[in-house]
C-alpha atoms as a PDB file:
ATOM      1  CA  UNK A   1     134.223-109.690  30.556  1.00  0.00           C
ATOM      2  CA  UNK A   2     134.867-106.280  32.104  1.00  0.00           C
ATOM      3  CA  UNK A   3     133.457-107.335  35.464  1.00  0.00           C
ATOM      4  CA  UNK A   4     135.628-110.458  35.425  1.00  0.00           C
ATOM      5  CA  UNK A   5     138.682-108.318  34.671  1.00  0.00           C
ATOM      6  CA  UNK A   6     137.910-105.991  37.577  1.00  0.00           C
ATOM      7  CA  UNK A   7     137.319-108.902  39.960  1.00  0.00           C
ATOM      8  CA  UNK A   8     140.561-110.624  38.956  1.00  0.00           C
ATOM      9  CA  UNK A   9     142.463-107.360  39.287  1.00  0.00           C
ATOM     10  CA  UNK A  10     141.190-106.934  42.813  1.00  0.00           C
ATOM     11  CA  UNK A  11     141.927-110.568  43.676  1.00  0.00           C
ATOM     12  CA  UNK A  12     145.481-110.467  42.267  1.00  0.00           C
ATOM     13  CA  UNK A  13     146.120-106.887  43.436  1.00  0.00           C
ATOM     14  CA  UNK A  14     146.681-105.532  39.915  1.00  0.00           C
ATOM     15  CA  UNK A  15     144.249-102.606  39.636  1.00  0.00           C
ATOM     16  CA  UNK A  16     145.920-100.880  36.683  1.00  0.00           C
ATOM     17  CA  UNK A  17     145.860-104.031  34.588  1.00  0.00           C
ATOM     18  CA  UNK A  18     142.235-104.651  35.556  1.00  0.00           C
ATOM     19  CA  UNK A  19     141.176-101.158  34.511  1.00  0.00           C
ATOM     20  CA  UNK A  20     143.034-101.474  31.214  1.00  0.00           C
ATOM     21  CA  UNK A  21     141.448-104.831  30.372  1.00  0.00           C
ATOM     22  CA  UNK A  22     137.965-103.693  31.356  1.00  0.00           C
ATOM     23  CA  UNK A  23     138.311-100.512  29.294  1.00  0.00           C
ATOM     24  CA  UNK A  24     139.471-102.585  26.332  1.00  0.00           C
ATOM     25  CA  UNK A  25     136.501-104.917  26.766  1.00  0.00           C
ATOM     26  CA  UNK A  26     134.016-102.029  27.005  1.00  0.00           C
ATOM     27  CA  UNK A  27     135.499-100.147  24.049  1.00  0.00           C
ATOM     28  CA  UNK A  28     133.429-102.257  21.680  1.00  0.00           C
ATOM     29  CA  UNK A  29     130.164-100.966  23.085  1.00  0.00           C
ATOM     30  CA  UNK A  30     131.320 -97.385  22.710  1.00  0.00           C
ATOM     31  CA  UNK A  31     132.571 -97.868  19.154  1.00  0.00           C
ATOM     32  CA  UNK A  32     129.368 -99.577  18.041  1.00  0.00           C
ATOM     33  CA  UNK A  33     127.348 -96.625  19.354  1.00  0.00           C
ATOM     34  CA  UNK A  34     129.478 -94.170  17.380  1.00  0.00           C
ATOM     35  CA  UNK A  35     126.732 -94.005  14.760  1.00  0.00           C
ATOM     36  CA  UNK A  36     124.347 -92.536  17.339  1.00  0.00           C
ATOM     37  CA  UNK A  37     126.739 -89.646  17.989  1.00  0.00           C
ATOM     38  CA  UNK A  38     128.077 -88.962  14.495  1.00  0.00           C
ATOM     39  CA  UNK A  39     125.049 -89.967  12.426  1.00  0.00           C
ATOM     40  CA  UNK A  40     126.905 -92.398  10.177  1.00  0.00           C
ATOM     41  CA  UNK A  41     129.177 -95.400  10.375  1.00  0.00           C
ATOM     42  CA  UNK A  42     132.124 -95.304   8.002  1.00  0.00           C
ATOM     43  CA  UNK A  43     132.640 -99.044   7.723  1.00  0.00           C
ATOM     44  CA  UNK A  44     130.090-101.129   9.598  1.00  0.00           C
ATOM     45  CA  UNK A  45     131.755-104.503   8.979  1.00  0.00           C
ATOM     46  CA  UNK A  46     135.186-103.310  10.091  1.00  0.00           C
ATOM     47  CA  UNK A  47     134.659-103.466  13.843  1.00  0.00           C
ATOM     48  CA  UNK A  48     133.418-107.041  14.204  1.00  0.00           C
ATOM     49  CA  UNK A  49     135.618-108.755  11.663  1.00  0.00           C
ATOM     50  CA  UNK A  50     138.901-107.004  12.392  1.00  0.00           C
ATOM     51  CA  UNK A  51     139.061-104.992  15.590  1.00  0.00           C
ATOM     52  CA  UNK A  52     136.924-106.921  18.084  1.00  0.00           C
ATOM     53  CA  UNK A  53     138.456-110.287  17.285  1.00  0.00           C
ATOM     54  CA  UNK A  54     141.918-109.021  18.154  1.00  0.00           C
ATOM     55  CA  UNK A  55     141.019-106.994  21.238  1.00  0.00           C
ATOM     56  CA  UNK A  56     138.729-109.623  22.716  1.00  0.00           C
ATOM     57  CA  UNK A  57     141.348-112.310  22.101  1.00  0.00           C
ATOM     58  CA  UNK A  58     143.893-110.244  24.017  1.00  0.00           C
ATOM     59  CA  UNK A  59     141.465-109.693  26.891  1.00  0.00           C
ATOM     60  CA  UNK A  60     140.428-113.359  27.065  1.00  0.00           C
ATOM     61  CA  UNK A  61     144.041-114.562  26.984  1.00  0.00           C
ATOM     62  CA  UNK A  62     144.944-112.255  29.869  1.00  0.00           C
ATOM     63  CA  UNK A  63     141.872-113.293  31.870  1.00  0.00           C
ATOM     64  CA  UNK A  64     142.507-117.007  31.347  1.00  0.00           C
ATOM     65  CA  UNK A  65     146.090-116.513  32.512  1.00  0.00           C
ATOM     66  CA  UNK A  66     144.904-114.676  35.632  1.00  0.00           C
ATOM     67  CA  UNK A  67     142.349-117.392  36.385  1.00  0.00           C
ATOM     68  CA  UNK A  68     145.067-119.991  35.949  1.00  0.00           C
ATOM     69  CA  UNK A  69     147.246-118.133  38.462  1.00  0.00           C
ATOM     70  CA  UNK A  70     144.401-118.175  40.991  1.00  0.00           C
ATOM     71  CA  UNK A  71     143.483-121.833  40.468  1.00  0.00           C
ATOM     72  CA  UNK A  72     147.059-123.053  40.536  1.00  0.00           C
ATOM     73  CA  UNK A  73     148.815-121.073  43.285  1.00  0.00           C
ATOM     74  CA  UNK A  74     152.050-123.031  43.047  1.00  0.00           C
ATOM     75  CA  UNK A  75     152.498-121.811  39.475  1.00  0.00           C
ATOM     76  CA  UNK A  76     152.402-118.110  40.296  1.00  0.00           C
ATOM     77  CA  UNK A  77     154.297-115.832  37.921  1.00  0.00           C
ATOM     78  CA  UNK A  78     157.854-114.974  38.833  1.00  0.00           C
ATOM     79  CA  UNK A  79     158.527-111.792  40.768  1.00  0.00           C
ATOM     80  CA  UNK A  80     160.000-109.151  38.530  1.00  0.00           C
ATOM     81  CA  UNK A  81     160.647-105.453  38.308  1.00  0.00           C
ATOM     82  CA  UNK A  82     157.566-104.899  36.139  1.00  0.00           C
ATOM     83  CA  UNK A  83     155.171-106.606  38.553  1.00  0.00           C
ATOM     84  CA  UNK A  84     154.432-103.308  40.307  1.00  0.00           C
ATOM     85  CA  UNK A  85     153.549-101.573  37.052  1.00  0.00           C
ATOM     86  CA  UNK A  86     151.532-104.210  35.201  1.00  0.00           C
END
């Protein structure tokens, strides 16, 4: 998922968005390995059932939208002020 986000960011010339989505996708690996660093996991069921479902849904929705913009070039998003920042 992170590699796909980086590739789409390069293809659509949105590097900041690509880095944000890839960091969000890789955050799960870091959080699951928290037990290795701290020695305990406060709530082991919390990450999969609550946090990862939401963050991965956000990442997948953004990636599907970017893929749709590549596949269908005539339906590109409108030019706006925020395009340079997102």
